[in-house]
Amino acid sequence: MSPVDKDVAKALLKIYNNLEYYYFLALRDEKLSEEEKKSLAKMMVSTVEGAIMAAKAAQDKAPYIQIVQQMFKSFIK
């Protein structure tokens, strides 16, 4: 989707990059390479975004909770 407003697009990109960085920091104690941590952080942000969409589609928070809980069980050991 093309952005309607370039300033909004830049702000959203900054938010996504910050979220990825925070997940990356949360993975600091995991025995993974830096590239694996960056990739996993990107996947975690995408998973949370998908969880939000699933909850909106269902009009229920349960899918969000289930997906995020599974994400932490699967991604962080």
N, C-alpha and C. Protein backbone atom coordinates (compact mmCIF):
# COMPACT_ATOMS: atom_id res chain seq x y z
N MET A 1 0.85 -1.17 0.00
CA MET A 1 0.00 0.00 0.00
C MET A 1 0.89 1.24 0.00
N SER A 2 0.60 2.13 -0.87
CA SER A 2 1.38 3.36 -0.91
C SER A 2 0.89 4.31 0.18
N PRO A 3 1.82 5.00 0.80
CA PRO A 3 1.42 5.92 1.87
C PRO A 3 0.67 7.12 1.32
N VAL A 4 -0.33 7.53 2.06
CA VAL A 4 -1.10 8.72 1.70
C VAL A 4 -0.31 9.96 2.07
N ASP A 5 0.38 9.90 3.17
CA ASP A 5 1.14 11.03 3.68
C ASP A 5 2.56 10.57 3.98
N LYS A 6 3.54 11.20 3.36
CA LYS A 6 4.94 10.78 3.54
C LYS A 6 5.41 10.95 4.98
N ASP A 7 4.94 11.97 5.67
CA ASP A 7 5.32 12.17 7.07
C ASP A 7 4.78 11.05 7.95
N VAL A 8 3.55 10.62 7.68
CA VAL A 8 2.96 9.51 8.43
C VAL A 8 3.75 8.23 8.14
N ALA A 9 4.10 8.02 6.88
CA ALA A 9 4.86 6.83 6.51
C ALA A 9 6.21 6.81 7.23
N LYS A 10 6.88 7.96 7.30
CA LYS A 10 8.17 8.04 8.00
C LYS A 10 8.01 7.76 9.49
N ALA A 11 6.94 8.28 10.07
CA ALA A 11 6.68 8.06 11.50
C ALA A 11 6.41 6.58 11.78
N LEU A 12 5.62 5.95 10.91
CA LEU A 12 5.33 4.53 11.09
C LEU A 12 6.58 3.68 10.96
N LEU A 13 7.43 4.02 9.99
CA LEU A 13 8.69 3.28 9.82
C LEU A 13 9.56 3.41 11.06
N LYS A 14 9.60 4.60 11.64
CA LYS A 14 10.38 4.81 12.86
C LYS A 14 9.83 3.95 14.01
N ILE A 15 8.51 3.89 14.12
CA ILE A 15 7.88 3.07 15.16
C ILE A 15 8.23 1.60 14.97
N TYR A 16 8.10 1.10 13.74
CA TYR A 16 8.43 -0.30 13.47
C TYR A 16 9.89 -0.58 13.77
N ASN A 17 10.77 0.31 13.36
CA ASN A 17 12.20 0.11 13.63
C ASN A 17 12.48 0.10 15.12
N ASN A 18 11.80 0.97 15.87
CA ASN A 18 11.98 0.98 17.33
C ASN A 18 11.47 -0.31 17.95
N LEU A 19 10.32 -0.80 17.49
CA LEU A 19 9.79 -2.06 18.02
C LEU A 19 10.76 -3.21 17.76
N GLU A 20 11.28 -3.27 16.54
CA GLU A 20 12.25 -4.32 16.22
C GLU A 20 13.47 -4.22 17.12
N TYR A 21 13.93 -3.00 17.36
CA TYR A 21 15.10 -2.81 18.21
C TYR A 21 14.82 -3.28 19.64
N TYR A 22 13.64 -2.99 20.18
CA TYR A 22 13.32 -3.42 21.54
C TYR A 22 13.24 -4.95 21.64
N TYR A 23 12.66 -5.59 20.63
CA TYR A 23 12.66 -7.06 20.62
C TYR A 23 14.09 -7.58 20.51
N PHE A 24 14.91 -6.96 19.67
CA PHE A 24 16.31 -7.34 19.53
C PHE A 24 17.00 -7.27 20.91
N LEU A 25 16.78 -6.19 21.64
CA LEU A 25 17.37 -6.06 22.97
C LEU A 25 16.87 -7.15 23.92
N ALA A 26 15.59 -7.49 23.80
CA ALA A 26 15.02 -8.53 24.66
C ALA A 26 15.65 -9.90 24.39
N LEU A 27 16.21 -10.06 23.20
CA LEU A 27 16.82 -11.33 22.81
C LEU A 27 18.31 -11.39 23.16
N ARG A 28 18.84 -10.40 23.85
CA ARG A 28 20.29 -10.29 24.06
C ARG A 28 20.89 -11.52 24.75
N ASP A 29 20.15 -12.19 25.60
CA ASP A 29 20.70 -13.34 26.32
C ASP A 29 20.53 -14.66 25.57
N GLU A 30 19.84 -14.61 24.44
CA GLU A 30 19.64 -15.82 23.65
C GLU A 30 20.94 -16.16 22.90
N LYS A 31 21.20 -17.44 22.74
CA LYS A 31 22.42 -17.88 22.05
C LYS A 31 22.17 -17.90 20.54
N LEU A 32 22.08 -16.69 19.97
CA LEU A 32 21.84 -16.52 18.54
C LEU A 32 22.83 -15.49 18.02
N SER A 33 23.09 -15.56 16.72
CA SER A 33 23.92 -14.52 16.12
C SER A 33 23.15 -13.21 16.09
N GLU A 34 23.87 -12.12 15.86
CA GLU A 34 23.22 -10.81 15.78
C GLU A 34 22.20 -10.79 14.64
N GLU A 35 22.57 -11.39 13.50
CA GLU A 35 21.64 -11.43 12.36
C GLU A 35 20.39 -12.25 12.69
N GLU A 36 20.56 -13.37 13.40
CA GLU A 36 19.40 -14.18 13.80
C GLU A 36 18.50 -13.39 14.74
N LYS A 37 19.09 -12.64 15.65
CA LYS A 37 18.30 -11.83 16.58
C LYS A 37 17.54 -10.74 15.82
N LYS A 38 18.19 -10.10 14.85
CA LYS A 38 17.52 -9.07 14.06
C LYS A 38 16.36 -9.66 13.27
N SER A 39 16.58 -10.81 12.66
CA SER A 39 15.54 -11.47 11.89
C SER A 39 14.38 -11.89 12.77
N LEU A 40 14.70 -12.45 13.92
CA LEU A 40 13.67 -12.88 14.86
C LEU A 40 12.88 -11.69 15.39
N ALA A 41 13.56 -10.59 15.65
CA ALA A 41 12.87 -9.38 16.12
C ALA A 41 11.89 -8.89 15.06
N LYS A 42 12.29 -8.91 13.79
CA LYS A 42 11.40 -8.51 12.71
C LYS A 42 10.18 -9.44 12.64
N MET A 43 10.42 -10.74 12.80
CA MET A 43 9.32 -11.70 12.77
C MET A 43 8.37 -11.49 13.95
N MET A 44 8.92 -11.13 15.10
CA MET A 44 8.09 -10.91 16.28
C MET A 44 7.18 -9.70 16.09
N VAL A 45 7.72 -8.63 15.52
CA VAL A 45 6.89 -7.45 15.25
C VAL A 45 5.77 -7.82 14.28
N SER A 46 6.11 -8.56 13.24
CA SER A 46 5.11 -8.98 12.25
C SER A 46 4.05 -9.88 12.87
N THR A 47 4.48 -10.75 13.78
CA THR A 47 3.54 -11.64 14.45
C THR A 47 2.56 -10.85 15.31
N VAL A 48 3.05 -9.88 16.04
CA VAL A 48 2.17 -9.06 16.87
C VAL A 48 1.18 -8.29 15.99
N GLU A 49 1.67 -7.75 14.87
CA GLU A 49 0.77 -7.04 13.95
C GLU A 49 -0.32 -7.98 13.43
N GLY A 50 0.07 -9.20 13.09
CA GLY A 50 -0.91 -10.19 12.65
C GLY A 50 -1.91 -10.53 13.75
N ALA A 51 -1.42 -10.59 14.98
CA ALA A 51 -2.29 -10.87 16.12
C ALA A 51 -3.31 -9.76 16.31
N ILE A 52 -2.88 -8.53 16.10
CA ILE A 52 -3.80 -7.39 16.21
C ILE A 52 -4.89 -7.50 15.15
N MET A 53 -4.49 -7.82 13.92
CA MET A 53 -5.48 -7.96 12.84
C MET A 53 -6.44 -9.11 13.10
N ALA A 54 -5.93 -10.23 13.64
CA ALA A 54 -6.79 -11.37 13.94
C ALA A 54 -7.81 -11.01 15.01
N ALA A 55 -7.38 -10.26 16.01
CA ALA A 55 -8.31 -9.83 17.07
C ALA A 55 -9.36 -8.88 16.52
N LYS A 56 -8.94 -7.97 15.65
CA LYS A 56 -9.90 -7.04 15.05
C LYS A 56 -10.91 -7.80 14.19
N ALA A 57 -10.43 -8.75 13.41
CA ALA A 57 -11.33 -9.51 12.54
C ALA A 57 -12.34 -10.31 13.36
N ALA A 58 -11.89 -10.85 14.49
CA ALA A 58 -12.77 -11.66 15.34
C ALA A 58 -13.59 -10.80 16.30
N GLN A 59 -13.23 -9.49 16.40
CA GLN A 59 -13.87 -8.61 17.38
C GLN A 59 -13.76 -9.21 18.78
N ASP A 60 -12.55 -9.73 19.05
CA ASP A 60 -12.31 -10.43 20.32
C ASP A 60 -10.80 -10.38 20.59
N LYS A 61 -10.42 -10.15 21.83
CA LYS A 61 -9.00 -10.08 22.17
C LYS A 61 -8.36 -11.45 22.32
N ALA A 62 -9.14 -12.50 22.38
CA ALA A 62 -8.61 -13.84 22.60
C ALA A 62 -7.58 -14.27 21.55
N PRO A 63 -7.83 -14.03 20.25
CA PRO A 63 -6.81 -14.42 19.26
C PRO A 63 -5.48 -13.70 19.49
N TYR A 64 -5.54 -12.43 19.86
CA TYR A 64 -4.32 -11.67 20.13
C TYR A 64 -3.54 -12.32 21.27
N ILE A 65 -4.21 -12.58 22.35
CA ILE A 65 -3.56 -13.16 23.53
C ILE A 65 -2.96 -14.52 23.19
N GLN A 66 -3.72 -15.34 22.50
CA GLN A 66 -3.26 -16.69 22.13
C GLN A 66 -2.02 -16.62 21.23
N ILE A 67 -2.05 -15.76 20.23
CA ILE A 67 -0.93 -15.65 19.29
C ILE A 67 0.32 -15.12 19.98
N VAL A 68 0.18 -14.08 20.78
CA VAL A 68 1.34 -13.50 21.45
C VAL A 68 1.93 -14.48 22.47
N GLN A 69 1.09 -15.19 23.20
CA GLN A 69 1.60 -16.18 24.14
C GLN A 69 2.37 -17.27 23.40
N GLN A 70 1.82 -17.72 22.28
CA GLN A 70 2.50 -18.76 21.49
C GLN A 70 3.81 -18.23 20.92
N MET A 71 3.82 -16.97 20.53
CA MET A 71 5.04 -16.38 19.99
C MET A 71 6.16 -16.47 21.02
N PHE A 72 5.89 -16.11 22.26
CA PHE A 72 6.93 -16.15 23.26
C PHE A 72 7.34 -17.58 23.61
N LYS A 73 6.41 -18.51 23.56
CA LYS A 73 6.76 -19.92 23.79
C LYS A 73 7.63 -20.44 22.66
N SER A 74 7.35 -20.03 21.44
CA SER A 74 8.05 -20.55 20.27
C SER A 74 9.39 -19.86 20.00
N PHE A 75 9.43 -18.55 20.16
CA PHE A 75 10.60 -17.79 19.76
C PHE A 75 11.65 -17.68 20.85
N ILE A 76 11.22 -17.72 22.10
CA ILE A 76 12.18 -17.53 23.19
C ILE A 76 12.16 -18.77 24.06
N LYS A 77 13.30 -19.38 24.14
CA LYS A 77 13.39 -20.63 24.90
C LYS A 77 14.16 -20.42 26.17
